[in-house]
Amino acid sequence: MFRQNPNLIQPPSTPLSTSRPPLFLHHDGGGTIFSYYCLSDLHRPVYGIFNPCYSSKATFEGGIPEMAKTYLGFIVETLFGDDQAGGKVSSRRGGGTGTGTESGNERERDLILGGWSLGGMVSLEVARQVLDFNAAEVEREKKTGNRNNKARKLNVLGIVMIDSMNPHQASFPPHVKIANPNATTMQWGPHTRPETKEAVLRCFHEARRMLAVWELPTWPAAAEEGGTSPGPMGPPPVVLLKAKENVPLQEPQEDGEEEVSRTDVHRGDGQLGWGKYHEGMVRKVIEVEGHHFNLFTEERRAEQVTRGVKEGCEILEALWKQGKA
């Protein structure tokens, strides 16, 4: 695994002060970010956040919220840090076409969140915790009264979900039968080491445990967000990449009753169940060839995902600039 978290997957291709808002991609259920290295140039800084518990048997006892809090800390350190030589980008707003603002506030950062599968779900929790971060920063500035240490602010332009479904069981279609996880066809590389398989499967097990008890975030009205500039109610806008096919199952189905992989519970729903969580959150759905587990296993499919992620980021930037997000 990598030493630095987040890991800079695609360095910015323009000067730091004018680079486009960075994309932070959270790991999938297996805890790794290797798949994101299959993406072609997205024309913006791209970071991958891997599961820091991947190489150990540690767990996030606080579940998805604790995981998101940890990852938000990584993001804050990256965007507000000055250690550019260590692979960090301090994408200040002001003066550029991507991250700039009219006010040129150097304590404000734009970013886009996202990820494959679990990564898209975690992004939603991170986005919610960003509101708390911003509010806490405003309170800190008020209490200290130090104008030289102004409140920091993060602007989440939106989320790019790569085949992430609504995991809340109450949203599942009635009478759906979920196959045993062992029936799912795992896509292992020919040189995958046994210890890697063990770590990935352990992370998948932990992901299922955390998702089973995760309460999806609730969102305050704009007036509650620290009393700062007005914004929309509800979660940030989402662009959803959706696989067209179901995951093939290895094991025969009992009694001829149709079973599906957990990842395909909402496959028949155009928004993978997210409309039941917050209507209007998903602004665009981009269908891609393949099933949930093979989106990155062939170059042609990875290129489809690249195009979808790139388009998604551009849509979210446009929505933000139009003030319609």
C-alpha atoms as a PDB file:
ATOM      1  CA  MET A   1       0.000   0.000   0.000  1.00  0.00           C
ATOM      2  CA  PHE A   2       1.041   3.617  -0.335  1.00  0.00           C
ATOM      3  CA  ARG A   3       2.842   5.666   2.299  1.00  0.00           C
ATOM      4  CA  GLN A   4       0.887   8.885   1.923  1.00  0.00           C
ATOM      5  CA  ASN A   5      -2.846   9.216   2.400  1.00  0.00           C
ATOM      6  CA  PRO A   6      -4.347  10.715   0.290  1.00  0.00           C
ATOM      7  CA  ASN A   7      -2.170   9.513  -2.550  1.00  0.00           C
ATOM      8  CA  LEU A   8      -1.685  11.919  -5.440  1.00  0.00           C
ATOM      9  CA  ILE A   9      -2.756   9.856  -8.449  1.00  0.00           C
ATOM     10  CA  GLN A  10      -2.823  12.600 -11.083  1.00  0.00           C
ATOM     11  CA  PRO A  11      -0.769  15.746 -10.377  1.00  0.00           C
ATOM     12  CA  PRO A  12      -2.223  19.056 -11.605  1.00  0.00           C
ATOM     13  CA  SER A  13      -1.255  19.922 -15.143  1.00  0.00           C
ATOM     14  CA  THR A  14      -1.545  23.673 -14.569  1.00  0.00           C
ATOM     15  CA  PRO A  15       0.046  26.034 -11.996  1.00  0.00           C
ATOM     16  CA  LEU A  16      -1.205  25.334  -8.495  1.00  0.00           C
ATOM     17  CA  SER A  17      -3.004  28.655  -8.139  1.00  0.00           C
ATOM     18  CA  THR A  18      -5.097  28.068 -11.248  1.00  0.00           C
ATOM     19  CA  SER A  19      -5.627  24.298 -11.172  1.00  0.00           C
ATOM     20  CA  ARG A  20      -9.185  23.057 -11.379  1.00  0.00           C
ATOM     21  CA  PRO A  21     -10.917  21.839  -8.222  1.00  0.00           C
ATOM     22  CA  PRO A  22      -9.286  18.577  -7.130  1.00  0.00           C
ATOM     23  CA  LEU A  23     -11.122  15.278  -7.111  1.00  0.00           C
ATOM     24  CA  PHE A  24     -10.813  13.100  -4.006  1.00  0.00           C
ATOM     25  CA  LEU A  25     -11.715   9.482  -4.743  1.00  0.00           C
ATOM     26  CA  HIS A  26     -12.436   7.279  -1.728  1.00  0.00           C
ATOM     27  CA  HIS A  27     -11.565   3.598  -1.800  1.00  0.00           C
ATOM     28  CA  ASP A  28     -13.984   0.837  -2.671  1.00  0.00           C
ATOM     29  CA  GLY A  29     -15.118  -1.863  -0.250  1.00  0.00           C
ATOM     30  CA  GLY A  30     -11.803  -3.678  -0.638  1.00  0.00           C
ATOM     31  CA  GLY A  31      -9.962  -0.716   0.847  1.00  0.00           C
ATOM     32  CA  THR A  32      -7.685  -0.052  -2.123  1.00  0.00           C
ATOM     33  CA  ILE A  33      -7.329   2.704  -4.716  1.00  0.00           C
ATOM     34  CA  PHE A  34      -5.493   0.702  -7.381  1.00  0.00           C
ATOM     35  CA  SER A  35      -8.452   0.906  -9.772  1.00  0.00           C
ATOM     36  CA  TYR A  36      -8.217   4.694  -9.900  1.00  0.00           C
ATOM     37  CA  TYR A  37      -4.795   4.368 -11.489  1.00  0.00           C
ATOM     38  CA  CYS A  38      -6.610   2.888 -14.498  1.00  0.00           C
ATOM     39  CA  LEU A  39      -8.243   6.262 -15.162  1.00  0.00           C
ATOM     40  CA  SER A  40      -6.819   8.392 -17.957  1.00  0.00           C
ATOM     41  CA  ASP A  41      -6.067  12.088 -17.542  1.00  0.00           C
ATOM     42  CA  LEU A  42      -8.979  13.889 -15.874  1.00  0.00           C
ATOM     43  CA  HIS A  43      -7.343  17.317 -16.314  1.00  0.00           C
ATOM     44  CA  ARG A  44      -7.404  18.127 -12.615  1.00  0.00           C
ATOM     45  CA  PRO A  45      -5.576  16.987  -9.472  1.00  0.00           C
ATOM     46  CA  VAL A  46      -6.835  13.540  -8.487  1.00  0.00           C
ATOM     47  CA  TYR A  47      -6.254  11.999  -5.068  1.00  0.00           C
ATOM     48  CA  GLY A  48      -7.020   8.505  -3.849  1.00  0.00           C
ATOM     49  CA  ILE A  49      -7.849   7.848  -0.213  1.00  0.00           C
ATOM     50  CA  PHE A  50      -7.185   4.236   0.787  1.00  0.00           C
ATOM     51  CA  ASN A  51      -8.337   2.450   3.922  1.00  0.00           C
ATOM     52  CA  PRO A  52      -5.603   3.037   6.543  1.00  0.00           C
ATOM     53  CA  CYS A  53      -6.731  -0.181   8.259  1.00  0.00           C
ATOM     54  CA  TYR A  54      -6.001  -2.196   5.108  1.00  0.00           C
ATOM     55  CA  SER A  55      -2.651  -3.583   6.285  1.00  0.00           C
ATOM     56  CA  SER A  56      -3.754  -4.199   9.847  1.00  0.00           C
ATOM     57  CA  LYS A  57      -6.668  -5.753  11.663  1.00  0.00           C
ATOM     58  CA  ALA A  58      -7.763  -2.401  13.066  1.00  0.00           C
ATOM     59  CA  THR A  59     -11.321  -1.251  12.436  1.00  0.00           C
ATOM     60  CA  PHE A  60     -13.344   1.935  12.513  1.00  0.00           C
ATOM     61  CA  GLU A  61     -15.350   1.232  15.651  1.00  0.00           C
ATOM     62  CA  GLY A  62     -17.468   4.315  14.965  1.00  0.00           C
ATOM     63  CA  GLY A  63     -18.402   2.959  11.548  1.00  0.00           C
ATOM     64  CA  ILE A  64     -18.854   5.064   8.431  1.00  0.00           C
ATOM     65  CA  PRO A  65     -19.032   8.393  10.346  1.00  0.00           C
ATOM     66  CA  GLU A  66     -15.671   7.723  12.004  1.00  0.00           C
ATOM     67  CA  MET A  67     -14.171   6.671   8.685  1.00  0.00           C
ATOM     68  CA  ALA A  68     -15.480   9.853   7.039  1.00  0.00           C
ATOM     69  CA  LYS A  69     -14.119  12.017   9.875  1.00  0.00           C
ATOM     70  CA  THR A  70     -10.678  10.492   9.373  1.00  0.00           C
ATOM     71  CA  TYR A  71     -10.804  11.055   5.627  1.00  0.00           C
ATOM     72  CA  LEU A  72     -12.015  14.626   6.006  1.00  0.00           C
ATOM     73  CA  GLY A  73      -8.964  15.210   8.184  1.00  0.00           C
ATOM     74  CA  PHE A  74      -6.768  13.933   5.359  1.00  0.00           C
ATOM     75  CA  ILE A  75      -8.484  16.282   2.909  1.00  0.00           C
ATOM     76  CA  VAL A  76      -8.155  19.318   5.166  1.00  0.00           C
ATOM     77  CA  GLU A  77      -4.477  18.617   5.743  1.00  0.00           C
ATOM     78  CA  THR A  78      -3.920  18.250   2.013  1.00  0.00           C
ATOM     79  CA  LEU A  79      -5.781  21.345   0.843  1.00  0.00           C
ATOM     80  CA  PHE A  80      -4.655  23.698   3.587  1.00  0.00           C
ATOM     81  CA  GLY A  81      -1.138  22.340   3.994  1.00  0.00           C
ATOM     82  CA  ASP A  82       1.978  23.827   2.432  1.00  0.00           C
ATOM     83  CA  ASP A  83       3.879  20.593   1.916  1.00  0.00           C
ATOM     84  CA  GLN A  84       3.677  20.679  -1.867  1.00  0.00           C
ATOM     85  CA  ALA A  85       6.938  18.761  -2.161  1.00  0.00           C
ATOM     86  CA  GLY A  86       5.254  15.896  -0.344  1.00  0.00           C
ATOM     87  CA  GLY A  87       2.633  15.503  -3.057  1.00  0.00           C
ATOM     88  CA  LYS A  88       0.114  17.933  -1.633  1.00  0.00           C
ATOM     89  CA  VAL A  89      -1.662  20.623  -3.556  1.00  0.00           C
ATOM     90  CA  SER A  90      -2.786  23.802  -1.843  1.00  0.00           C
ATOM     91  CA  SER A  91      -5.407  24.792  -4.412  1.00  0.00           C
ATOM     92  CA  ARG A  92      -6.168  28.296  -3.217  1.00  0.00           C
ATOM     93  CA  ARG A  93      -9.149  30.051  -4.664  1.00  0.00           C
ATOM     94  CA  GLY A  94      -8.660  33.285  -6.505  1.00  0.00           C
ATOM     95  CA  GLY A  95      -7.134  34.347  -9.788  1.00  0.00           C
ATOM     96  CA  GLY A  96      -7.857  31.189 -11.770  1.00  0.00           C
ATOM     97  CA  THR A  97     -10.634  29.768 -13.865  1.00  0.00           C
ATOM     98  CA  GLY A  98     -11.104  26.626 -11.812  1.00  0.00           C
ATOM     99  CA  THR A  99     -10.737  27.273  -8.097  1.00  0.00           C
ATOM    100  CA  GLY A 100     -10.921  31.060  -8.143  1.00  0.00           C
ATOM    101  CA  THR A 101     -13.626  33.221  -6.634  1.00  0.00           C
ATOM    102  CA  GLU A 102     -14.593  36.827  -6.950  1.00  0.00           C
ATOM    103  CA  SER A 103     -13.366  37.506  -3.429  1.00  0.00           C
ATOM    104  CA  GLY A 104     -10.102  35.626  -3.809  1.00  0.00           C
ATOM    105  CA  ASN A 105     -10.404  34.147  -0.305  1.00  0.00           C
ATOM    106  CA  GLU A 106      -7.205  32.236   0.399  1.00  0.00           C
ATOM    107  CA  ARG A 107      -8.858  30.361   3.274  1.00  0.00           C
ATOM    108  CA  GLU A 108     -11.454  28.785   0.980  1.00  0.00           C
ATOM    109  CA  ARG A 109     -11.089  25.638  -1.122  1.00  0.00           C
ATOM    110  CA  ASP A 110     -13.257  23.992  -3.794  1.00  0.00           C
ATOM    111  CA  LEU A 111     -13.234  20.236  -4.227  1.00  0.00           C
ATOM    112  CA  ILE A 112     -15.170  17.327  -5.703  1.00  0.00           C
ATOM    113  CA  LEU A 113     -15.694  14.051  -3.859  1.00  0.00           C
ATOM    114  CA  GLY A 114     -16.315  10.621  -5.274  1.00  0.00           C
ATOM    115  CA  GLY A 115     -15.492   6.968  -5.423  1.00  0.00           C
ATOM    116  CA  TRP A 116     -16.406   3.520  -6.625  1.00  0.00           C
ATOM    117  CA  SER A 117     -19.039   1.546  -4.707  1.00  0.00           C
ATOM    118  CA  LEU A 118     -18.405   2.166  -0.981  1.00  0.00           C
ATOM    119  CA  GLY A 119     -16.314   5.181  -1.971  1.00  0.00           C
ATOM    120  CA  GLY A 120     -19.361   7.044  -3.260  1.00  0.00           C
ATOM    121  CA  MET A 121     -21.285   6.304  -0.080  1.00  0.00           C
ATOM    122  CA  VAL A 122     -18.443   7.486   2.153  1.00  0.00           C
ATOM    123  CA  SER A 123     -18.259  10.664   0.044  1.00  0.00           C
ATOM    124  CA  LEU A 124     -21.823  11.450   1.077  1.00  0.00           C
ATOM    125  CA  GLU A 125     -20.900  11.221   4.762  1.00  0.00           C
ATOM    126  CA  VAL A 126     -17.752  13.302   4.220  1.00  0.00           C
ATOM    127  CA  ALA A 127     -19.808  15.975   2.459  1.00  0.00           C
ATOM    128  CA  ARG A 128     -22.166  16.150   5.428  1.00  0.00           C
ATOM    129  CA  GLN A 129     -19.282  16.491   7.867  1.00  0.00           C
ATOM    130  CA  VAL A 130     -17.848  19.320   5.771  1.00  0.00           C
ATOM    131  CA  LEU A 131     -20.837  21.413   6.883  1.00  0.00           C
ATOM    132  CA  ASP A 132     -19.868  20.809  10.503  1.00  0.00           C
ATOM    133  CA  PHE A 133     -16.248  21.656   9.723  1.00  0.00           C
ATOM    134  CA  ASN A 134     -17.233  24.958   8.126  1.00  0.00           C
ATOM    135  CA  ALA A 135     -19.527  25.878  11.011  1.00  0.00           C
ATOM    136  CA  ALA A 136     -16.842  25.032  13.575  1.00  0.00           C
ATOM    137  CA  GLU A 137     -14.340  27.204  11.713  1.00  0.00           C
ATOM    138  CA  VAL A 138     -16.719  30.183  11.812  1.00  0.00           C
ATOM    139  CA  GLU A 139     -17.193  29.720  15.559  1.00  0.00           C
ATOM    140  CA  ARG A 140     -13.455  29.419  16.092  1.00  0.00           C
ATOM    141  CA  GLU A 141     -12.828  32.723  14.289  1.00  0.00           C
ATOM    142  CA  LYS A 142     -15.541  34.435  16.344  1.00  0.00           C
ATOM    143  CA  LYS A 143     -14.073  33.213  19.626  1.00  0.00           C
ATOM    144  CA  THR A 144     -10.443  34.023  18.874  1.00  0.00           C
ATOM    145  CA  GLY A 145     -11.119  37.336  17.114  1.00  0.00           C
ATOM    146  CA  ASN A 146      -7.847  36.842  15.264  1.00  0.00           C
ATOM    147  CA  ARG A 147      -8.226  38.328  11.793  1.00  0.00           C
ATOM    148  CA  ASN A 148      -4.909  36.814  10.777  1.00  0.00           C
ATOM    149  CA  ASN A 149      -6.316  33.342  11.358  1.00  0.00           C
ATOM    150  CA  LYS A 150      -9.596  33.480   9.495  1.00  0.00           C
ATOM    151  CA  ALA A 151     -12.036  30.624   9.235  1.00  0.00           C
ATOM    152  CA  ARG A 152     -11.234  27.998   6.662  1.00  0.00           C
ATOM    153  CA  LYS A 153     -13.996  26.821   4.363  1.00  0.00           C
ATOM    154  CA  LEU A 154     -14.478  23.842   2.096  1.00  0.00           C
ATOM    155  CA  ASN A 155     -16.893  23.976  -0.829  1.00  0.00           C
ATOM    156  CA  VAL A 156     -17.985  20.523  -1.992  1.00  0.00           C
ATOM    157  CA  LEU A 157     -19.058  21.126  -5.589  1.00  0.00           C
ATOM    158  CA  GLY A 158     -20.609  17.673  -5.760  1.00  0.00           C
ATOM    159  CA  ILE A 159     -20.036  13.934  -5.740  1.00  0.00           C
ATOM    160  CA  VAL A 160     -19.194  11.543  -8.576  1.00  0.00           C
ATOM    161  CA  MET A 161     -20.464   8.097  -7.600  1.00  0.00           C
ATOM    162  CA  ILE A 162     -19.160   5.132  -9.562  1.00  0.00           C
ATOM    163  CA  ASP A 163     -21.900   2.481  -9.329  1.00  0.00           C
ATOM    164  CA  SER A 164     -22.655   3.292  -5.683  1.00  0.00           C
ATOM    165  CA  MET A 165     -26.096   2.153  -4.573  1.00  0.00           C
ATOM    166  CA  ASN A 166     -28.299   3.306  -1.724  1.00  0.00           C
ATOM    167  CA  PRO A 167     -27.274   0.828   0.998  1.00  0.00           C
ATOM    168  CA  HIS A 168     -30.209   1.477   3.325  1.00  0.00           C
ATOM    169  CA  GLN A 169     -32.080  -1.812   3.596  1.00  0.00           C
ATOM    170  CA  ALA A 170     -35.443  -0.092   3.943  1.00  0.00           C
ATOM    171  CA  SER A 171     -34.992   1.186   0.388  1.00  0.00           C
ATOM    172  CA  PHE A 172     -34.505  -2.300  -1.080  1.00  0.00           C
ATOM    173  CA  PRO A 173     -37.189  -3.563  -3.461  1.00  0.00           C
ATOM    174  CA  PRO A 174     -39.626  -6.006  -1.809  1.00  0.00           C
ATOM    175  CA  HIS A 175     -39.007  -9.746  -2.059  1.00  0.00           C
ATOM    176  CA  VAL A 176     -35.468  -9.308  -3.402  1.00  0.00           C
ATOM    177  CA  LYS A 177     -33.200 -12.210  -2.493  1.00  0.00           C
ATOM    178  CA  ILE A 178     -29.561 -11.293  -1.957  1.00  0.00           C
ATOM    179  CA  ALA A 179     -26.996 -13.927  -2.824  1.00  0.00           C
ATOM    180  CA  ASN A 180     -24.346 -15.058  -0.381  1.00  0.00           C
ATOM    181  CA  PRO A 181     -21.226 -12.852  -0.782  1.00  0.00           C
ATOM    182  CA  ASN A 182     -19.241 -15.988  -1.635  1.00  0.00           C
ATOM    183  CA  ALA A 183     -21.391 -16.402  -4.749  1.00  0.00           C
ATOM    184  CA  THR A 184     -20.060 -13.181  -6.230  1.00  0.00           C
ATOM    185  CA  THR A 185     -17.379 -13.508  -8.870  1.00  0.00           C
ATOM    186  CA  MET A 186     -14.310 -11.679  -7.573  1.00  0.00           C
ATOM    187  CA  GLN A 187     -11.939 -10.236 -10.159  1.00  0.00           C
ATOM    188  CA  TRP A 188      -8.420 -11.139  -9.014  1.00  0.00           C
ATOM    189  CA  GLY A 189      -5.350 -10.393 -11.082  1.00  0.00           C
ATOM    190  CA  PRO A 190      -3.164 -13.356 -12.113  1.00  0.00           C
ATOM    191  CA  HIS A 191      -0.384 -12.270  -9.741  1.00  0.00           C
ATOM    192  CA  THR A 192      -2.516 -11.285  -6.744  1.00  0.00           C
ATOM    193  CA  ARG A 193      -0.781 -12.452  -3.562  1.00  0.00           C
ATOM    194  CA  PRO A 194      -2.654 -14.431  -0.890  1.00  0.00           C
ATOM    195  CA  GLU A 195      -2.060 -11.722   1.720  1.00  0.00           C
ATOM    196  CA  THR A 196      -3.601  -9.150  -0.619  1.00  0.00           C
ATOM    197  CA  LYS A 197      -6.707 -11.282  -1.080  1.00  0.00           C
ATOM    198  CA  GLU A 198      -6.953 -11.718   2.692  1.00  0.00           C
ATOM    199  CA  ALA A 199      -6.692  -7.971   3.335  1.00  0.00           C
ATOM    200  CA  VAL A 200      -9.248  -7.102   0.635  1.00  0.00           C
ATOM    201  CA  LEU A 201     -11.753  -9.689   1.877  1.00  0.00           C
ATOM    202  CA  ARG A 202     -11.302  -8.451   5.443  1.00  0.00           C
ATOM    203  CA  CYS A 203     -12.038  -4.882   4.301  1.00  0.00           C
ATOM    204  CA  PHE A 204     -15.136  -6.091   2.426  1.00  0.00           C
ATOM    205  CA  HIS A 205     -16.361  -7.799   5.579  1.00  0.00           C
ATOM    206  CA  GLU A 206     -15.838  -4.621   7.617  1.00  0.00           C
ATOM    207  CA  ALA A 207     -17.575  -2.534   4.953  1.00  0.00           C
ATOM    208  CA  ARG A 208     -20.661  -4.755   5.114  1.00  0.00           C
ATOM    209  CA  ARG A 209     -20.652  -4.508   8.907  1.00  0.00           C
ATOM    210  CA  MET A 210     -20.458  -0.716   8.880  1.00  0.00           C
ATOM    211  CA  LEU A 211     -23.052  -0.245   6.151  1.00  0.00           C
ATOM    212  CA  ALA A 212     -25.524  -2.460   8.009  1.00  0.00           C
ATOM    213  CA  VAL A 213     -25.701   0.063  10.868  1.00  0.00           C
ATOM    214  CA  TRP A 214     -25.001   3.307   9.007  1.00  0.00           C
ATOM    215  CA  GLU A 215     -27.721   5.925   9.174  1.00  0.00           C
ATOM    216  CA  LEU A 216     -27.606   8.009   6.015  1.00  0.00           C
ATOM    217  CA  PRO A 217     -26.850  11.687   6.718  1.00  0.00           C
ATOM    218  CA  THR A 218     -29.539  14.237   7.379  1.00  0.00           C
ATOM    219  CA  TRP A 219     -29.081  17.747   6.025  1.00  0.00           C
ATOM    220  CA  PRO A 220     -29.770  21.075   7.728  1.00  0.00           C
ATOM    221  CA  ALA A 221     -31.347  24.115   6.164  1.00  0.00           C
ATOM    222  CA  ALA A 222     -28.914  26.604   4.674  1.00  0.00           C
ATOM    223  CA  ALA A 223     -29.426  29.080   7.532  1.00  0.00           C
ATOM    224  CA  GLU A 224     -27.942  26.561   9.956  1.00  0.00           C
ATOM    225  CA  GLU A 225     -24.645  26.356   8.110  1.00  0.00           C
ATOM    226  CA  GLY A 226     -22.697  28.691  10.354  1.00  0.00           C
ATOM    227  CA  GLY A 227     -24.617  31.760   9.251  1.00  0.00           C
ATOM    228  CA  THR A 228     -22.357  32.226   6.259  1.00  0.00           C
ATOM    229  CA  SER A 229     -23.322  32.733   2.612  1.00  0.00           C
ATOM    230  CA  PRO A 230     -26.665  31.163   1.672  1.00  0.00           C
ATOM    231  CA  GLY A 231     -26.624  27.820  -0.047  1.00  0.00           C
ATOM    232  CA  PRO A 232     -28.961  25.007  -1.052  1.00  0.00           C
ATOM    233  CA  MET A 233     -30.700  22.665   1.325  1.00  0.00           C
ATOM    234  CA  GLY A 234     -29.887  19.000   1.121  1.00  0.00           C
ATOM    235  CA  PRO A 235     -26.841  17.097  -0.089  1.00  0.00           C
ATOM    236  CA  PRO A 236     -24.535  18.299  -2.840  1.00  0.00           C
ATOM    237  CA  PRO A 237     -25.437  17.283  -6.401  1.00  0.00           C
ATOM    238  CA  VAL A 238     -24.429  13.827  -7.561  1.00  0.00           C
ATOM    239  CA  VAL A 239     -23.452  12.467 -10.963  1.00  0.00           C
ATOM    240  CA  LEU A 240     -23.914   8.700 -10.950  1.00  0.00           C
ATOM    241  CA  LEU A 241     -22.081   6.258 -13.194  1.00  0.00           C
ATOM    242  CA  LYS A 242     -24.245   3.132 -13.442  1.00  0.00           C
ATOM    243  CA  ALA A 243     -23.174  -0.293 -14.708  1.00  0.00           C
ATOM    244  CA  LYS A 244     -25.572  -1.831 -17.213  1.00  0.00           C
ATOM    245  CA  GLU A 245     -25.190  -5.493 -16.230  1.00  0.00           C
ATOM    246  CA  ASN A 246     -25.739  -7.669 -13.180  1.00  0.00           C
ATOM    247  CA  VAL A 247     -22.804  -9.353 -11.483  1.00  0.00           C
ATOM    248  CA  PRO A 248     -22.606 -13.041 -12.516  1.00  0.00           C
ATOM    249  CA  LEU A 249     -22.966 -15.485  -9.627  1.00  0.00           C
ATOM    250  CA  GLN A 250     -20.743 -18.508  -9.107  1.00  0.00           C
ATOM    251  CA  GLU A 251     -23.001 -20.662  -6.969  1.00  0.00           C
ATOM    252  CA  PRO A 252     -26.208 -22.282  -8.271  1.00  0.00           C
ATOM    253  CA  GLN A 253     -29.393 -20.654  -7.042  1.00  0.00           C
ATOM    254  CA  GLU A 254     -31.508 -22.688  -4.656  1.00  0.00           C
ATOM    255  CA  ASP A 255     -35.025 -23.768  -5.624  1.00  0.00           C
ATOM    256  CA  GLY A 256     -34.700 -21.879  -8.895  1.00  0.00           C
ATOM    257  CA  GLU A 257     -35.356 -18.624  -7.031  1.00  0.00           C
ATOM    258  CA  GLU A 258     -33.583 -15.690  -8.600  1.00  0.00           C
ATOM    259  CA  GLU A 259     -30.836 -14.132  -6.487  1.00  0.00           C
ATOM    260  CA  VAL A 260     -28.753 -11.052  -7.083  1.00  0.00           C
ATOM    261  CA  SER A 261     -25.492  -9.711  -5.780  1.00  0.00           C
ATOM    262  CA  ARG A 262     -25.964  -7.061  -3.099  1.00  0.00           C
ATOM    263  CA  THR A 263     -24.467  -4.574  -5.553  1.00  0.00           C
ATOM    264  CA  ASP A 264     -27.396  -5.240  -7.922  1.00  0.00           C
ATOM    265  CA  VAL A 265     -30.286  -4.815  -5.491  1.00  0.00           C
ATOM    266  CA  HIS A 266     -31.171  -1.502  -7.154  1.00  0.00           C
ATOM    267  CA  ARG A 267     -29.944  -2.362 -10.665  1.00  0.00           C
ATOM    268  CA  GLY A 268     -33.438  -1.956 -12.087  1.00  0.00           C
ATOM    269  CA  ASP A 269     -33.746   1.519 -10.601  1.00  0.00           C
ATOM    270  CA  GLY A 270     -32.451   4.356 -12.744  1.00  0.00           C
ATOM    271  CA  GLN A 271     -30.745   6.039  -9.773  1.00  0.00           C
ATOM    272  CA  LEU A 272     -29.669   2.896  -7.873  1.00  0.00           C
ATOM    273  CA  GLY A 273     -32.118   3.709  -5.098  1.00  0.00           C
ATOM    274  CA  TRP A 274     -30.904   7.230  -4.310  1.00  0.00           C
ATOM    275  CA  GLY A 275     -34.245   8.797  -5.246  1.00  0.00           C
ATOM    276  CA  LYS A 276     -35.653   7.146  -2.121  1.00  0.00           C
ATOM    277  CA  TYR A 277     -33.037   8.944  -0.031  1.00  0.00           C
ATOM    278  CA  HIS A 278     -33.190  12.473  -1.395  1.00  0.00           C
ATOM    279  CA  GLU A 279     -35.173  13.305  -4.500  1.00  0.00           C
ATOM    280  CA  GLY A 280     -33.219  15.476  -6.910  1.00  0.00           C
ATOM    281  CA  MET A 281     -29.801  14.652  -5.477  1.00  0.00           C
ATOM    282  CA  VAL A 282     -28.747  12.718  -8.581  1.00  0.00           C
ATOM    283  CA  ARG A 283     -28.508  15.253 -11.382  1.00  0.00           C
ATOM    284  CA  LYS A 284     -27.305  12.951 -14.136  1.00  0.00           C
ATOM    285  CA  VAL A 285     -26.912   9.206 -14.659  1.00  0.00           C
ATOM    286  CA  ILE A 286     -24.212   7.974 -17.049  1.00  0.00           C
ATOM    287  CA  GLU A 287     -24.526   4.314 -18.014  1.00  0.00           C
ATOM    288  CA  VAL A 288     -21.348   2.322 -18.600  1.00  0.00           C
ATOM    289  CA  GLU A 289     -20.774  -1.146 -20.035  1.00  0.00           C
ATOM    290  CA  GLY A 290     -20.025  -4.025 -17.681  1.00  0.00           C
ATOM    291  CA  HIS A 291     -21.033  -5.029 -14.179  1.00  0.00           C
ATOM    292  CA  HIS A 292     -20.095  -3.674 -10.775  1.00  0.00           C
ATOM    293  CA  PHE A 293     -16.878  -5.636 -10.370  1.00  0.00           C
ATOM    294  CA  ASN A 294     -15.369  -5.405 -13.862  1.00  0.00           C
ATOM    295  CA  LEU A 295     -15.592  -1.671 -14.573  1.00  0.00           C
ATOM    296  CA  PHE A 296     -11.813  -1.317 -14.353  1.00  0.00           C
ATOM    297  CA  THR A 297     -10.612  -4.735 -15.494  1.00  0.00           C
ATOM    298  CA  GLU A 298     -10.337  -3.936 -19.205  1.00  0.00           C
ATOM    299  CA  GLU A 299      -8.922  -0.827 -20.839  1.00  0.00           C
ATOM    300  CA  ARG A 300     -12.046  -0.131 -22.901  1.00  0.00           C
ATOM    301  CA  ARG A 301     -14.266  -0.186 -19.819  1.00  0.00           C
ATOM    302  CA  ALA A 302     -11.810   1.894 -17.802  1.00  0.00           C
ATOM    303  CA  GLU A 303     -11.868   4.466 -20.604  1.00  0.00           C
ATOM    304  CA  GLN A 304     -15.661   4.591 -20.388  1.00  0.00           C
ATOM    305  CA  VAL A 305     -15.388   5.225 -16.666  1.00  0.00           C
ATOM    306  CA  THR A 306     -12.761   7.909 -17.302  1.00  0.00           C
ATOM    307  CA  ARG A 307     -15.071   9.713 -19.727  1.00  0.00           C
ATOM    308  CA  GLY A 308     -17.943   9.444 -17.274  1.00  0.00           C
ATOM    309  CA  VAL A 309     -15.931  10.761 -14.321  1.00  0.00           C
ATOM    310  CA  LYS A 310     -14.537  13.597 -16.426  1.00  0.00           C
ATOM    311  CA  GLU A 311     -18.008  14.562 -17.644  1.00  0.00           C
ATOM    312  CA  GLY A 312     -19.367  14.293 -14.127  1.00  0.00           C
ATOM    313  CA  CYS A 313     -16.750  16.667 -12.728  1.00  0.00           C
ATOM    314  CA  GLU A 314     -17.432  19.172 -15.500  1.00  0.00           C
ATOM    315  CA  ILE A 315     -21.185  19.008 -14.850  1.00  0.00           C
ATOM    316  CA  LEU A 316     -20.669  19.633 -11.147  1.00  0.00           C
ATOM    317  CA  GLU A 317     -18.350  22.561 -11.829  1.00  0.00           C
ATOM    318  CA  ALA A 318     -20.915  24.084 -14.190  1.00  0.00           C
ATOM    319  CA  LEU A 319     -23.721  23.653 -11.643  1.00  0.00           C
ATOM    320  CA  TRP A 320     -21.646  25.331  -8.977  1.00  0.00           C
ATOM    321  CA  LYS A 321     -20.792  28.270 -11.204  1.00  0.00           C
ATOM    322  CA  GLN A 322     -24.417  28.674 -12.203  1.00  0.00           C
ATOM    323  CA  GLY A 323     -25.462  28.728  -8.564  1.00  0.00           C
ATOM    324  CA  LYS A 324     -27.963  25.941  -9.208  1.00  0.00           C
ATOM    325  CA  ALA A 325     -26.264  23.268  -7.159  1.00  0.00           C
END
